[in-house]
Amino acid sequence: MVVFNIETKIWEHVMTEPEMNYALTTSNACAVMADKIYTKAFCSSHVYEPKESKWQT
């Protein structure tokens, strides 16, 4: 995943969750709320916290 840094105005790669099975979790919807990125895939959902570089399922 890449995130746009609004201070540096540069796209940056962010840490990905190593346990994600990308064949099953390809995101088909996403939203940003309360400084978190929410992704919805066919079999699962994930939340990314950019400030902490942390994923949750």
Protein backbone atom coordinates (compact mmCIF):
# COMPACT_ATOMS: atom_id res chain seq x y z
CA MET A 1 0.00 0.00 0.00
CA VAL A 2 1.15 3.53 -0.63
CA VAL A 3 0.04 6.59 1.30
CA PHE A 4 0.30 10.23 0.26
CA ASN A 5 2.22 12.29 2.83
CA ILE A 6 0.52 15.70 2.83
CA GLU A 7 3.50 17.39 4.48
CA THR A 8 6.18 16.20 2.03
CA LYS A 9 3.72 15.81 -0.89
CA ILE A 10 5.27 12.43 -1.71
CA TRP A 11 3.71 8.98 -2.05
CA GLU A 12 5.33 6.59 0.45
CA HIS A 13 5.21 2.81 0.78
CA VAL A 14 3.85 1.69 4.12
CA MET A 15 4.23 -1.54 6.03
CA THR A 16 1.94 -4.33 4.89
CA GLU A 17 0.48 -6.98 7.13
CA PRO A 18 2.59 -10.11 6.52
CA GLU A 19 -0.28 -12.49 7.32
CA MET A 20 -2.63 -11.09 4.69
CA ASN A 21 -3.47 -13.46 1.89
CA TYR A 22 -3.62 -11.02 -1.01
CA ALA A 23 -5.47 -13.47 -3.26
CA LEU A 24 -8.37 -13.38 -0.79
CA THR A 25 -8.07 -9.83 0.50
CA THR A 26 -7.80 -7.73 -2.63
CA SER A 27 -9.68 -4.64 -1.60
CA ASN A 28 -12.86 -3.86 -3.48
CA ALA A 29 -13.86 -0.92 -1.29
CA CYS A 30 -12.12 1.48 1.04
CA ALA A 31 -12.86 4.52 3.16
CA VAL A 32 -10.96 6.95 5.36
CA MET A 33 -12.43 7.94 8.72
CA ALA A 34 -10.89 9.23 11.93
CA ASP A 35 -7.32 9.03 10.57
CA LYS A 36 -7.69 5.34 9.67
CA ILE A 37 -8.00 3.56 6.32
CA TYR A 38 -10.70 0.89 6.20
CA THR A 39 -10.58 -1.74 3.44
CA LYS A 40 -13.26 -4.29 2.62
CA ALA A 41 -12.41 -7.40 0.65
CA PHE A 42 -14.40 -10.47 -0.35
CA CYS A 43 -13.50 -12.54 2.73
CA SER A 44 -12.24 -9.99 5.24
CA SER A 45 -11.84 -6.40 6.32
CA HIS A 46 -8.76 -4.53 7.50
CA VAL A 47 -8.02 -1.22 9.19
CA TYR A 48 -4.73 0.60 8.73
CA GLU A 49 -3.49 3.26 11.16
CA PRO A 50 -0.89 5.32 9.24
CA LYS A 51 0.38 7.20 12.30
CA GLU A 52 1.34 3.90 13.95
CA SER A 53 2.05 1.85 10.78
CA LYS A 54 -0.31 -0.74 12.24
CA TRP A 55 -2.88 -3.10 10.66
CA GLN A 56 -5.93 -4.60 12.36
CA THR A 57 -8.41 -7.17 11.08
